[in-house]
Amino acid sequence: MASHVVLEKRAPLTREESGTLFSQTMGLVAVTAGLFTAGAYVARNVSPGWSWVFFAGSVLALIGMSIAAQRSENLAVGLLFAFGLFIGAAISPTISYYARADPQALWQAGGATALFVAGFGAFGYATRRDLSKIARASFWALIVLILFGVVTILVNVPHGDVVYAVVGLVVFAGLTSYDFQRLRRTKDVRSAPLLAASIFLDILNVFLLLLSLAGRDNN
């Protein structure tokens, strides 16, 4: 899921402003990732039922951030950090399971995620080709993929988990490239929290998809 916002028309940013926006956005991504890790650690021994509560909190924080982005950048940043903490706590059972059963899968998924995001992020940031069509196609493919995931829960689909993960990586390759292109093309420095949320969600989804594949390969 990526956060997209329609920004009012402004003059193009200078090279210095673009560099500042990039560093600010990636700094927010790094802090959010750190809070995600903290949330996952703090909630490691919490009852799995609480995951739904934490997930609901993360969704509310994300919605609130989208509303607050054009009114108060500080509030948007605070809600972004709250989102990172809540989503980390929500996914803590999954992280804890792999940490106990297959810690190697965590390291493999983490390293592969870094390479994946660096590669497709660099492509999106550098290319002059408009990736908006790819982003739209990826968005609709993501909706279909979610529906497929629901079907695999209800019906036994041979190798459904592998298909889900591989197709998901293709989808997020497109979304990651587009979000980094938005980071280069945006004309509003206030958009850093929303861009950071989109990029963090790309990273998180890629990590979880790779984790499912790494865990399967190590079994």
N, C-alpha and C. Protein backbone atom coordinates (compact mmCIF):
# COMPACT_ATOMS: atom_id res chain seq x y z
N MET A 1 0.86 -1.19 0.00
CA MET A 1 0.00 0.00 0.00
C MET A 1 0.89 1.22 0.00
N ALA A 2 0.63 2.17 -0.88
CA ALA A 2 1.44 3.37 -0.96
C ALA A 2 0.58 4.58 -0.71
N SER A 3 1.17 5.58 -0.05
CA SER A 3 0.42 6.81 0.23
C SER A 3 0.70 7.82 -0.86
N HIS A 4 -0.33 8.24 -1.58
CA HIS A 4 -0.17 9.22 -2.64
C HIS A 4 -1.04 10.42 -2.34
N VAL A 5 -0.57 11.60 -2.66
CA VAL A 5 -1.31 12.82 -2.38
C VAL A 5 -1.17 13.75 -3.56
N VAL A 6 -2.23 14.44 -3.88
CA VAL A 6 -2.19 15.43 -4.97
C VAL A 6 -1.73 16.76 -4.39
N LEU A 7 -0.63 17.25 -4.88
CA LEU A 7 -0.04 18.48 -4.35
C LEU A 7 -0.36 19.64 -5.28
N GLU A 8 -0.52 20.80 -4.69
CA GLU A 8 -0.79 21.99 -5.49
C GLU A 8 0.42 22.33 -6.33
N LYS A 9 0.21 22.99 -7.46
CA LYS A 9 1.29 23.32 -8.38
C LYS A 9 2.21 24.38 -7.77
N ARG A 10 3.51 24.11 -7.83
CA ARG A 10 4.51 25.03 -7.30
C ARG A 10 5.68 25.08 -8.27
N ALA A 11 6.55 26.05 -8.05
CA ALA A 11 7.75 26.15 -8.88
C ALA A 11 8.65 24.96 -8.59
N PRO A 12 9.39 24.49 -9.61
CA PRO A 12 10.29 23.36 -9.39
C PRO A 12 11.31 23.66 -8.28
N LEU A 13 11.67 22.63 -7.53
CA LEU A 13 12.65 22.82 -6.48
C LEU A 13 14.03 23.02 -7.08
N THR A 14 14.86 23.79 -6.39
CA THR A 14 16.24 23.92 -6.80
C THR A 14 16.98 22.62 -6.48
N ARG A 15 18.17 22.48 -7.02
CA ARG A 15 18.95 21.26 -6.77
C ARG A 15 19.22 21.11 -5.27
N GLU A 16 19.50 22.23 -4.61
CA GLU A 16 19.77 22.18 -3.17
C GLU A 16 18.52 21.74 -2.40
N GLU A 17 17.36 22.27 -2.80
CA GLU A 17 16.11 21.89 -2.13
C GLU A 17 15.78 20.43 -2.38
N SER A 18 16.05 19.94 -3.60
CA SER A 18 15.80 18.53 -3.92
C SER A 18 16.69 17.64 -3.07
N GLY A 19 17.95 18.04 -2.90
CA GLY A 19 18.86 17.26 -2.06
C GLY A 19 18.40 17.25 -0.61
N THR A 20 17.90 18.40 -0.15
CA THR A 20 17.39 18.48 1.22
C THR A 20 16.17 17.59 1.41
N LEU A 21 15.27 17.61 0.42
CA LEU A 21 14.07 16.78 0.50
C LEU A 21 14.45 15.30 0.51
N PHE A 22 15.42 14.92 -0.31
CA PHE A 22 15.84 13.52 -0.35
C PHE A 22 16.40 13.09 0.99
N SER A 23 17.30 13.89 1.54
CA SER A 23 17.92 13.52 2.82
C SER A 23 16.89 13.52 3.95
N GLN A 24 15.97 14.49 3.92
CA GLN A 24 14.95 14.55 4.96
C GLN A 24 14.02 13.33 4.87
N THR A 25 13.60 13.00 3.66
CA THR A 25 12.70 11.86 3.47
C THR A 25 13.36 10.56 3.90
N MET A 26 14.59 10.32 3.46
CA MET A 26 15.26 9.08 3.82
C MET A 26 15.61 9.04 5.30
N GLY A 27 15.84 10.21 5.90
CA GLY A 27 16.04 10.26 7.34
C GLY A 27 14.79 9.83 8.09
N LEU A 28 13.63 10.29 7.61
CA LEU A 28 12.36 9.88 8.22
C LEU A 28 12.12 8.38 8.02
N VAL A 29 12.50 7.85 6.86
CA VAL A 29 12.37 6.41 6.62
C VAL A 29 13.23 5.64 7.62
N ALA A 30 14.45 6.12 7.86
CA ALA A 30 15.36 5.44 8.77
C ALA A 30 14.81 5.44 10.20
N VAL A 31 14.30 6.60 10.64
CA VAL A 31 13.75 6.69 12.00
C VAL A 31 12.52 5.80 12.13
N THR A 32 11.65 5.80 11.11
CA THR A 32 10.46 4.96 11.13
C THR A 32 10.84 3.49 11.19
N ALA A 33 11.87 3.10 10.44
CA ALA A 33 12.35 1.72 10.50
C ALA A 33 12.87 1.37 11.89
N GLY A 34 13.56 2.33 12.51
CA GLY A 34 14.05 2.11 13.87
C GLY A 34 12.91 1.92 14.86
N LEU A 35 11.86 2.73 14.72
CA LEU A 35 10.70 2.61 15.60
C LEU A 35 9.94 1.32 15.32
N PHE A 36 9.91 0.90 14.06
CA PHE A 36 9.33 -0.40 13.71
C PHE A 36 10.04 -1.52 14.48
N THR A 37 11.37 -1.47 14.47
CA THR A 37 12.16 -2.48 15.17
C THR A 37 11.88 -2.43 16.68
N ALA A 38 11.80 -1.21 17.21
CA ALA A 38 11.52 -1.05 18.64
C ALA A 38 10.14 -1.60 18.99
N GLY A 39 9.14 -1.31 18.15
CA GLY A 39 7.80 -1.82 18.38
C GLY A 39 7.76 -3.33 18.34
N ALA A 40 8.47 -3.92 17.38
CA ALA A 40 8.50 -5.38 17.28
C ALA A 40 9.17 -6.00 18.49
N TYR A 41 10.19 -5.33 19.02
CA TYR A 41 10.90 -5.87 20.19
C TYR A 41 10.05 -5.75 21.46
N VAL A 42 9.44 -4.60 21.66
CA VAL A 42 8.65 -4.38 22.87
C VAL A 42 7.44 -5.33 22.92
N ALA A 43 6.85 -5.60 21.77
CA ALA A 43 5.63 -6.43 21.73
C ALA A 43 5.93 -7.91 21.50
N ARG A 44 7.19 -8.31 21.64
CA ARG A 44 7.56 -9.69 21.30
C ARG A 44 6.88 -10.73 22.19
N ASN A 45 6.53 -10.36 23.43
CA ASN A 45 5.90 -11.32 24.34
C ASN A 45 4.42 -11.02 24.57
N VAL A 46 3.87 -10.12 23.79
CA VAL A 46 2.46 -9.75 23.94
C VAL A 46 1.59 -10.80 23.25
N SER A 47 0.40 -11.02 23.77
CA SER A 47 -0.53 -11.98 23.17
C SER A 47 -0.78 -11.63 21.70
N PRO A 48 -0.78 -12.64 20.81
CA PRO A 48 -1.00 -12.39 19.37
C PRO A 48 -2.29 -11.63 19.07
N GLY A 49 -3.28 -11.76 19.96
CA GLY A 49 -4.53 -11.05 19.74
C GLY A 49 -4.37 -9.55 19.70
N TRP A 50 -3.33 -9.06 20.37
CA TRP A 50 -3.08 -7.62 20.38
C TRP A 50 -2.60 -7.11 19.02
N SER A 51 -2.16 -8.01 18.17
CA SER A 51 -1.67 -7.59 16.85
C SER A 51 -2.74 -6.82 16.08
N TRP A 52 -4.01 -7.25 16.21
CA TRP A 52 -5.08 -6.55 15.52
C TRP A 52 -5.30 -5.16 16.06
N VAL A 53 -5.11 -5.00 17.37
CA VAL A 53 -5.22 -3.67 17.98
C VAL A 53 -4.11 -2.76 17.47
N PHE A 54 -2.90 -3.29 17.46
CA PHE A 54 -1.76 -2.50 16.97
C PHE A 54 -1.92 -2.18 15.49
N PHE A 55 -2.43 -3.15 14.73
CA PHE A 55 -2.63 -2.91 13.29
C PHE A 55 -3.66 -1.81 13.07
N ALA A 56 -4.74 -1.84 13.84
CA ALA A 56 -5.75 -0.79 13.73
C ALA A 56 -5.14 0.57 14.07
N GLY A 57 -4.29 0.60 15.10
CA GLY A 57 -3.61 1.84 15.46
C GLY A 57 -2.72 2.35 14.34
N SER A 58 -2.05 1.44 13.63
CA SER A 58 -1.17 1.85 12.53
C SER A 58 -1.98 2.42 11.37
N VAL A 59 -3.14 1.82 11.10
CA VAL A 59 -4.00 2.32 10.01
C VAL A 59 -4.52 3.71 10.36
N LEU A 60 -4.96 3.89 11.59
CA LEU A 60 -5.46 5.21 12.02
C LEU A 60 -4.35 6.26 11.95
N ALA A 61 -3.14 5.89 12.34
CA ALA A 61 -2.01 6.82 12.28
C ALA A 61 -1.71 7.20 10.84
N LEU A 62 -1.80 6.23 9.93
CA LEU A 62 -1.52 6.49 8.52
C LEU A 62 -2.58 7.41 7.92
N ILE A 63 -3.84 7.16 8.25
CA ILE A 63 -4.93 8.01 7.76
C ILE A 63 -4.79 9.42 8.32
N GLY A 64 -4.50 9.51 9.62
CA GLY A 64 -4.32 10.81 10.25
C GLY A 64 -3.17 11.59 9.64
N MET A 65 -2.10 10.89 9.30
CA MET A 65 -0.94 11.55 8.69
C MET A 65 -1.30 12.12 7.33
N SER A 66 -2.09 11.37 6.54
CA SER A 66 -2.50 11.86 5.22
C SER A 66 -3.33 13.13 5.34
N ILE A 67 -4.17 13.20 6.40
CA ILE A 67 -5.00 14.39 6.61
C ILE A 67 -4.17 15.56 7.12
N ALA A 68 -3.20 15.25 8.00
CA ALA A 68 -2.43 16.31 8.66
C ALA A 68 -1.30 16.86 7.80
N ALA A 69 -0.93 16.14 6.73
CA ALA A 69 0.27 16.49 5.97
C ALA A 69 0.26 17.91 5.45
N GLN A 70 -0.90 18.41 5.00
CA GLN A 70 -0.97 19.75 4.42
C GLN A 70 -1.24 20.83 5.48
N ARG A 71 -1.43 20.42 6.72
CA ARG A 71 -1.76 21.38 7.78
C ARG A 71 -0.61 21.57 8.77
N SER A 72 0.01 20.48 9.16
CA SER A 72 1.08 20.56 10.14
C SER A 72 2.11 19.48 9.84
N GLU A 73 3.28 19.88 9.37
CA GLU A 73 4.32 18.91 9.05
C GLU A 73 4.79 18.18 10.30
N ASN A 74 4.87 18.90 11.43
CA ASN A 74 5.32 18.27 12.67
C ASN A 74 4.34 17.18 13.12
N LEU A 75 3.03 17.46 13.00
CA LEU A 75 2.03 16.46 13.35
C LEU A 75 2.12 15.26 12.42
N ALA A 76 2.32 15.52 11.13
CA ALA A 76 2.45 14.43 10.17
C ALA A 76 3.65 13.55 10.50
N VAL A 77 4.76 14.17 10.89
CA VAL A 77 5.96 13.41 11.26
C VAL A 77 5.68 12.58 12.51
N GLY A 78 5.01 13.17 13.49
CA GLY A 78 4.68 12.44 14.71
C GLY A 78 3.80 11.23 14.43
N LEU A 79 2.83 11.40 13.55
CA LEU A 79 1.95 10.29 13.19
C LEU A 79 2.69 9.24 12.38
N LEU A 80 3.65 9.66 11.56
CA LEU A 80 4.48 8.71 10.83
C LEU A 80 5.26 7.83 11.80
N PHE A 81 5.83 8.46 12.82
CA PHE A 81 6.59 7.70 13.82
C PHE A 81 5.68 6.77 14.61
N ALA A 82 4.47 7.24 14.93
CA ALA A 82 3.51 6.39 15.63
C ALA A 82 3.14 5.19 14.76
N PHE A 83 2.98 5.44 13.46
CA PHE A 83 2.69 4.35 12.53
C PHE A 83 3.79 3.30 12.56
N GLY A 84 5.05 3.75 12.51
CA GLY A 84 6.17 2.81 12.54
C GLY A 84 6.16 1.96 13.79
N LEU A 85 5.88 2.57 14.93
CA LEU A 85 5.84 1.85 16.21
C LEU A 85 4.70 0.84 16.24
N PHE A 86 3.52 1.27 15.81
CA PHE A 86 2.35 0.40 15.84
C PHE A 86 2.49 -0.77 14.86
N ILE A 87 2.95 -0.50 13.65
CA ILE A 87 3.04 -1.58 12.67
C ILE A 87 4.14 -2.57 13.07
N GLY A 88 5.18 -2.08 13.74
CA GLY A 88 6.21 -2.99 14.25
C GLY A 88 5.64 -3.92 15.31
N ALA A 89 4.82 -3.35 16.21
CA ALA A 89 4.18 -4.18 17.24
C ALA A 89 3.20 -5.16 16.62
N ALA A 90 2.50 -4.73 15.56
CA ALA A 90 1.52 -5.61 14.91
C ALA A 90 2.19 -6.81 14.25
N ILE A 91 3.37 -6.60 13.68
CA ILE A 91 4.06 -7.67 12.96
C ILE A 91 5.02 -8.43 13.86
N SER A 92 5.10 -8.04 15.12
CA SER A 92 6.01 -8.67 16.07
C SER A 92 5.88 -10.20 16.13
N PRO A 93 4.66 -10.77 16.12
CA PRO A 93 4.57 -12.24 16.17
C PRO A 93 5.30 -12.92 15.00
N THR A 94 5.20 -12.33 13.81
CA THR A 94 5.88 -12.90 12.65
C THR A 94 7.39 -12.82 12.82
N ILE A 95 7.88 -11.65 13.24
CA ILE A 95 9.32 -11.48 13.44
C ILE A 95 9.82 -12.41 14.53
N SER A 96 9.06 -12.52 15.62
CA SER A 96 9.46 -13.38 16.74
C SER A 96 9.52 -14.84 16.32
N TYR A 97 8.56 -15.24 15.49
CA TYR A 97 8.55 -16.63 15.02
C TYR A 97 9.82 -16.95 14.25
N TYR A 98 10.17 -16.10 13.29
CA TYR A 98 11.37 -16.35 12.50
C TYR A 98 12.64 -16.22 13.34
N ALA A 99 12.63 -15.31 14.32
CA ALA A 99 13.80 -15.15 15.18
C ALA A 99 14.08 -16.42 15.96
N ARG A 100 13.02 -17.15 16.34
CA ARG A 100 13.19 -18.40 17.09
C ARG A 100 13.43 -19.60 16.17
N ALA A 101 12.64 -19.67 15.10
CA ALA A 101 12.66 -20.86 14.26
C ALA A 101 13.70 -20.82 13.14
N ASP A 102 13.93 -19.65 12.58
CA ASP A 102 14.82 -19.55 11.42
C ASP A 102 15.45 -18.17 11.34
N PRO A 103 16.35 -17.83 12.28
CA PRO A 103 16.94 -16.48 12.27
C PRO A 103 17.72 -16.18 11.00
N GLN A 104 18.23 -17.21 10.34
CA GLN A 104 18.97 -16.98 9.09
C GLN A 104 18.06 -16.34 8.04
N ALA A 105 16.79 -16.72 8.05
CA ALA A 105 15.85 -16.16 7.08
C ALA A 105 15.69 -14.66 7.26
N LEU A 106 15.75 -14.19 8.52
CA LEU A 106 15.64 -12.76 8.78
C LEU A 106 16.81 -12.00 8.17
N TRP A 107 18.02 -12.54 8.33
CA TRP A 107 19.20 -11.87 7.78
C TRP A 107 19.18 -11.90 6.26
N GLN A 108 18.78 -13.03 5.70
CA GLN A 108 18.73 -13.14 4.25
C GLN A 108 17.70 -12.16 3.66
N ALA A 109 16.53 -12.11 4.29
CA ALA A 109 15.48 -11.21 3.81
C ALA A 109 15.89 -9.76 3.97
N GLY A 110 16.54 -9.44 5.09
CA GLY A 110 16.99 -8.06 5.31
C GLY A 110 18.01 -7.62 4.28
N GLY A 111 18.99 -8.47 4.01
CA GLY A 111 20.01 -8.12 3.01
C GLY A 111 19.43 -8.02 1.61
N ALA A 112 18.56 -8.97 1.26
CA ALA A 112 17.94 -8.94 -0.07
C ALA A 112 17.04 -7.72 -0.23
N THR A 113 16.36 -7.33 0.85
CA THR A 113 15.51 -6.14 0.80
C THR A 113 16.32 -4.88 0.53
N ALA A 114 17.47 -4.78 1.20
CA ALA A 114 18.34 -3.61 1.00
C ALA A 114 18.78 -3.52 -0.46
N LEU A 115 19.16 -4.63 -1.05
CA LEU A 115 19.60 -4.64 -2.45
C LEU A 115 18.43 -4.34 -3.39
N PHE A 116 17.27 -4.92 -3.10
CA PHE A 116 16.08 -4.72 -3.92
C PHE A 116 15.69 -3.25 -3.96
N VAL A 117 15.57 -2.64 -2.78
CA VAL A 117 15.14 -1.24 -2.71
C VAL A 117 16.20 -0.31 -3.29
N ALA A 118 17.46 -0.61 -3.02
CA ALA A 118 18.53 0.22 -3.57
C ALA A 118 18.52 0.18 -5.10
N GLY A 119 18.32 -1.01 -5.66
CA GLY A 119 18.34 -1.15 -7.11
C GLY A 119 17.16 -0.47 -7.79
N PHE A 120 15.97 -0.82 -7.36
CA PHE A 120 14.78 -0.24 -8.00
C PHE A 120 14.57 1.22 -7.60
N GLY A 121 15.01 1.58 -6.40
CA GLY A 121 14.93 2.98 -5.99
C GLY A 121 15.85 3.85 -6.82
N ALA A 122 17.07 3.36 -7.07
CA ALA A 122 18.01 4.12 -7.90
C ALA A 122 17.49 4.26 -9.32
N PHE A 123 16.90 3.19 -9.84
CA PHE A 123 16.32 3.25 -11.19
C PHE A 123 15.22 4.31 -11.25
N GLY A 124 14.31 4.26 -10.28
CA GLY A 124 13.20 5.21 -10.28
C GLY A 124 13.66 6.65 -10.12
N TYR A 125 14.67 6.86 -9.30
CA TYR A 125 15.15 8.21 -9.05
C TYR A 125 15.90 8.77 -10.26
N ALA A 126 16.56 7.88 -11.01
CA ALA A 126 17.41 8.34 -12.11
C ALA A 126 16.71 8.40 -13.46
N THR A 127 15.71 7.53 -13.68
CA THR A 127 15.13 7.44 -15.01
C THR A 127 14.34 8.70 -15.37
N ARG A 128 14.36 9.03 -16.64
CA ARG A 128 13.56 10.14 -17.16
C ARG A 128 12.20 9.67 -17.67
N ARG A 129 12.03 8.38 -17.76
CA ARG A 129 10.76 7.82 -18.23
C ARG A 129 9.69 8.01 -17.16
N ASP A 130 8.51 8.43 -17.59
CA ASP A 130 7.39 8.61 -16.66
C ASP A 130 6.87 7.24 -16.22
N LEU A 131 6.94 6.98 -14.91
CA LEU A 131 6.55 5.68 -14.39
C LEU A 131 5.11 5.66 -13.85
N SER A 132 4.34 6.70 -14.12
CA SER A 132 2.99 6.77 -13.56
C SER A 132 2.11 5.63 -14.08
N LYS A 133 2.27 5.24 -15.36
CA LYS A 133 1.48 4.14 -15.90
C LYS A 133 1.85 2.82 -15.22
N ILE A 134 3.14 2.65 -14.97
CA ILE A 134 3.59 1.45 -14.26
C ILE A 134 3.02 1.44 -12.85
N ALA A 135 2.96 2.62 -12.22
CA ALA A 135 2.43 2.72 -10.87
C ALA A 135 0.95 2.35 -10.84
N ARG A 136 0.19 2.83 -11.83
CA ARG A 136 -1.24 2.50 -11.88
C ARG A 136 -1.44 0.99 -12.09
N ALA A 137 -0.67 0.43 -12.99
CA ALA A 137 -0.77 -1.01 -13.24
C ALA A 137 -0.38 -1.80 -11.99
N SER A 138 0.65 -1.33 -11.30
CA SER A 138 1.10 -2.01 -10.08
C SER A 138 0.04 -1.93 -8.99
N PHE A 139 -0.64 -0.78 -8.91
CA PHE A 139 -1.68 -0.61 -7.89
C PHE A 139 -2.82 -1.61 -8.11
N TRP A 140 -3.30 -1.71 -9.35
CA TRP A 140 -4.38 -2.64 -9.63
C TRP A 140 -3.92 -4.08 -9.49
N ALA A 141 -2.68 -4.35 -9.85
CA ALA A 141 -2.13 -5.69 -9.65
C ALA A 141 -2.06 -6.03 -8.16
N LEU A 142 -1.79 -5.02 -7.33
CA LEU A 142 -1.75 -5.24 -5.89
C LEU A 142 -3.13 -5.60 -5.35
N ILE A 143 -4.17 -4.95 -5.87
CA ILE A 143 -5.54 -5.29 -5.45
C ILE A 143 -5.86 -6.74 -5.80
N VAL A 144 -5.51 -7.14 -7.04
CA VAL A 144 -5.75 -8.52 -7.48
C VAL A 144 -4.95 -9.49 -6.61
N LEU A 145 -3.72 -9.11 -6.28
CA LEU A 145 -2.87 -9.97 -5.46
C LEU A 145 -3.46 -10.17 -4.07
N ILE A 146 -4.01 -9.11 -3.49
CA ILE A 146 -4.64 -9.22 -2.17
C ILE A 146 -5.82 -10.19 -2.23
N LEU A 147 -6.63 -10.07 -3.30
CA LEU A 147 -7.75 -10.99 -3.47
C LEU A 147 -7.26 -12.43 -3.64
N PHE A 148 -6.17 -12.59 -4.36
CA PHE A 148 -5.59 -13.93 -4.53
C PHE A 148 -5.12 -14.47 -3.18
N GLY A 149 -4.55 -13.59 -2.36
CA GLY A 149 -4.11 -14.01 -1.03
C GLY A 149 -5.26 -14.49 -0.18
N VAL A 150 -6.40 -13.82 -0.28
CA VAL A 150 -7.60 -14.26 0.45
C VAL A 150 -8.04 -15.63 -0.04
N VAL A 151 -7.99 -15.84 -1.35
CA VAL A 151 -8.39 -17.13 -1.92
C VAL A 151 -7.48 -18.25 -1.41
N THR A 152 -6.18 -18.00 -1.33
CA THR A 152 -5.25 -19.04 -0.88
C THR A 152 -5.47 -19.40 0.59
N ILE A 153 -6.06 -18.47 1.35
CA ILE A 153 -6.40 -18.78 2.74
C ILE A 153 -7.59 -19.74 2.80
N LEU A 154 -8.53 -19.53 1.90
CA LEU A 154 -9.77 -20.33 1.91
C LEU A 154 -9.65 -21.62 1.11
N VAL A 155 -8.80 -21.60 0.07
CA VAL A 155 -8.67 -22.76 -0.82
C VAL A 155 -7.20 -23.13 -0.93
N ASN A 156 -6.93 -24.42 -0.96
CA ASN A 156 -5.55 -24.89 -1.10
C ASN A 156 -5.09 -24.74 -2.55
N VAL A 157 -4.27 -23.73 -2.81
CA VAL A 157 -3.73 -23.49 -4.15
C VAL A 157 -2.29 -23.99 -4.17
N PRO A 158 -1.95 -24.94 -5.03
CA PRO A 158 -0.58 -25.46 -5.09
C PRO A 158 0.45 -24.34 -5.30
N HIS A 159 1.41 -24.28 -4.40
CA HIS A 159 2.48 -23.28 -4.45
C HIS A 159 1.91 -21.85 -4.46
N GLY A 160 0.75 -21.68 -3.86
CA GLY A 160 0.13 -20.35 -3.83
C GLY A 160 0.95 -19.32 -3.11
N ASP A 161 1.65 -19.75 -2.03
CA ASP A 161 2.47 -18.81 -1.27
C ASP A 161 3.65 -18.31 -2.09
N VAL A 162 4.21 -19.19 -2.91
CA VAL A 162 5.34 -18.79 -3.75
C VAL A 162 4.88 -17.83 -4.85
N VAL A 163 3.77 -18.17 -5.47
CA VAL A 163 3.20 -17.29 -6.50
C VAL A 163 2.90 -15.92 -5.92
N TYR A 164 2.29 -15.90 -4.75
CA TYR A 164 1.95 -14.64 -4.08
C TYR A 164 3.20 -13.80 -3.84
N ALA A 165 4.25 -14.43 -3.33
CA ALA A 165 5.48 -13.69 -3.00
C ALA A 165 6.17 -13.17 -4.25
N VAL A 166 6.28 -14.01 -5.27
CA VAL A 166 7.00 -13.60 -6.49
C VAL A 166 6.26 -12.48 -7.21
N VAL A 167 4.93 -12.65 -7.37
CA VAL A 167 4.15 -11.60 -8.02
C VAL A 167 4.17 -10.33 -7.18
N GLY A 168 4.12 -10.49 -5.86
CA GLY A 168 4.19 -9.32 -4.97
C GLY A 168 5.48 -8.54 -5.15
N LEU A 169 6.59 -9.24 -5.33
CA LEU A 169 7.87 -8.56 -5.54
C LEU A 169 7.88 -7.79 -6.86
N VAL A 170 7.25 -8.37 -7.89
CA VAL A 170 7.15 -7.66 -9.17
C VAL A 170 6.33 -6.38 -8.99
N VAL A 171 5.21 -6.50 -8.27
CA VAL A 171 4.35 -5.34 -8.02
C VAL A 171 5.11 -4.25 -7.26
N PHE A 172 5.83 -4.63 -6.22
CA PHE A 172 6.52 -3.62 -5.42
C PHE A 172 7.80 -3.12 -6.08
N ALA A 173 8.29 -3.84 -7.07
CA ALA A 173 9.38 -3.27 -7.89
C ALA A 173 8.87 -2.03 -8.61
N GLY A 174 7.65 -2.13 -9.16
CA GLY A 174 7.07 -0.97 -9.83
C GLY A 174 6.73 0.15 -8.87
N LEU A 175 6.15 -0.17 -7.73
CA LEU A 175 5.77 0.87 -6.77
C LEU A 175 6.98 1.54 -6.15
N THR A 176 8.02 0.76 -5.86
CA THR A 176 9.25 1.33 -5.30
C THR A 176 9.89 2.30 -6.28
N SER A 177 9.99 1.89 -7.53
CA SER A 177 10.58 2.76 -8.56
C SER A 177 9.79 4.05 -8.68
N TYR A 178 8.47 3.94 -8.68
CA TYR A 178 7.62 5.13 -8.83
C TYR A 178 7.74 6.05 -7.62
N ASP A 179 7.78 5.50 -6.41
CA ASP A 179 7.87 6.35 -5.23
C ASP A 179 9.19 7.12 -5.18
N PHE A 180 10.26 6.50 -5.64
CA PHE A 180 11.53 7.23 -5.69
C PHE A 180 11.52 8.26 -6.81
N GLN A 181 10.80 7.98 -7.89
CA GLN A 181 10.66 9.01 -8.92
C GLN A 181 9.86 10.19 -8.39
N ARG A 182 8.80 9.91 -7.62
CA ARG A 182 8.04 11.00 -6.99
C ARG A 182 8.93 11.82 -6.08
N LEU A 183 9.85 11.15 -5.39
CA LEU A 183 10.77 11.85 -4.50
C LEU A 183 11.63 12.84 -5.28
N ARG A 184 12.03 12.48 -6.49
CA ARG A 184 12.83 13.39 -7.31
C ARG A 184 12.00 14.49 -7.94
N ARG A 185 10.76 14.17 -8.33
CA ARG A 185 9.95 15.11 -9.09
C ARG A 185 9.07 16.03 -8.25
N THR A 186 8.87 15.73 -6.99
CA THR A 186 7.93 16.51 -6.19
C THR A 186 8.35 17.97 -6.12
N LYS A 187 7.36 18.86 -6.03
CA LYS A 187 7.61 20.30 -5.97
C LYS A 187 7.26 20.89 -4.60
N ASP A 188 7.00 20.04 -3.63
CA ASP A 188 6.58 20.52 -2.32
C ASP A 188 7.42 19.83 -1.24
N VAL A 189 8.26 20.60 -0.57
CA VAL A 189 9.13 20.03 0.46
C VAL A 189 8.34 19.51 1.65
N ARG A 190 7.08 19.94 1.79
CA ARG A 190 6.25 19.46 2.90
C ARG A 190 5.80 18.02 2.72
N SER A 191 6.04 17.47 1.55
CA SER A 191 5.57 16.12 1.25
C SER A 191 6.49 15.03 1.82
N ALA A 192 7.57 15.40 2.49
CA ALA A 192 8.54 14.42 2.99
C ALA A 192 7.89 13.32 3.84
N PRO A 193 7.00 13.64 4.81
CA PRO A 193 6.42 12.55 5.62
C PRO A 193 5.62 11.55 4.79
N LEU A 194 4.83 12.04 3.82
CA LEU A 194 4.05 11.14 3.00
C LEU A 194 4.94 10.29 2.09
N LEU A 195 5.96 10.90 1.54
CA LEU A 195 6.90 10.14 0.71
C LEU A 195 7.62 9.09 1.55
N ALA A 196 7.99 9.48 2.76
CA ALA A 196 8.66 8.53 3.66
C ALA A 196 7.75 7.36 4.00
N ALA A 197 6.47 7.64 4.22
CA ALA A 197 5.51 6.57 4.51
C ALA A 197 5.40 5.60 3.34
N SER A 198 5.31 6.14 2.12
CA SER A 198 5.20 5.29 0.93
C SER A 198 6.43 4.41 0.77
N ILE A 199 7.61 5.01 0.92
CA ILE A 199 8.85 4.25 0.74
C ILE A 199 9.01 3.22 1.85
N PHE A 200 8.66 3.59 3.08
CA PHE A 200 8.75 2.63 4.18
C PHE A 200 7.82 1.44 3.95
N LEU A 201 6.60 1.71 3.47
CA LEU A 201 5.66 0.62 3.18
C LEU A 201 6.19 -0.28 2.07
N ASP A 202 6.84 0.31 1.07
CA ASP A 202 7.47 -0.50 0.03
C ASP A 202 8.51 -1.43 0.65
N ILE A 203 9.37 -0.86 1.49
CA ILE A 203 10.44 -1.63 2.12
C ILE A 203 9.85 -2.75 2.98
N LEU A 204 8.84 -2.41 3.78
CA LEU A 204 8.24 -3.39 4.68
C LEU A 204 7.62 -4.55 3.90
N ASN A 205 6.86 -4.24 2.86
CA ASN A 205 6.22 -5.30 2.09
C ASN A 205 7.23 -6.17 1.37
N VAL A 206 8.26 -5.56 0.82
CA VAL A 206 9.31 -6.34 0.15
C VAL A 206 9.99 -7.26 1.17
N PHE A 207 10.28 -6.74 2.36
CA PHE A 207 10.92 -7.54 3.41
C PHE A 207 10.06 -8.75 3.77
N LEU A 208 8.77 -8.54 3.98
CA LEU A 208 7.89 -9.64 4.37
C LEU A 208 7.76 -10.68 3.26
N LEU A 209 7.70 -10.23 2.01
CA LEU A 209 7.62 -11.16 0.89
C LEU A 209 8.90 -11.99 0.77
N LEU A 210 10.04 -11.33 0.89
CA LEU A 210 11.32 -12.05 0.82
C LEU A 210 11.49 -12.97 2.02
N LEU A 211 10.97 -12.54 3.17
CA LEU A 211 11.07 -13.37 4.37
C LEU A 211 10.30 -14.67 4.19
N SER A 212 9.13 -14.58 3.56
CA SER A 212 8.35 -15.80 3.32
C SER A 212 9.09 -16.76 2.38
N LEU A 213 9.78 -16.19 1.38
CA LEU A 213 10.54 -17.03 0.46
C LEU A 213 11.78 -17.61 1.13
N ALA A 214 12.48 -16.79 1.90
CA ALA A 214 13.70 -17.27 2.58
C ALA A 214 13.36 -18.34 3.60
N GLY A 215 12.27 -18.14 4.32
CA GLY A 215 11.86 -19.13 5.30
C GLY A 215 11.49 -20.46 4.64
N ARG A 216 10.87 -20.37 3.47
CA ARG A 216 10.49 -21.59 2.75
C ARG A 216 11.74 -22.32 2.23
N ASP A 217 12.70 -21.56 1.70
CA ASP A 217 13.90 -22.16 1.15
C ASP A 217 14.74 -22.84 2.22
N ASN A 218 14.70 -22.31 3.46
CA ASN A 218 15.53 -22.86 4.53
C ASN A 218 14.89 -24.04 5.22
N ASN A 219 13.63 -24.35 4.87
CA ASN A 219 12.94 -25.48 5.49
C ASN A 219 13.27 -26.79 4.77
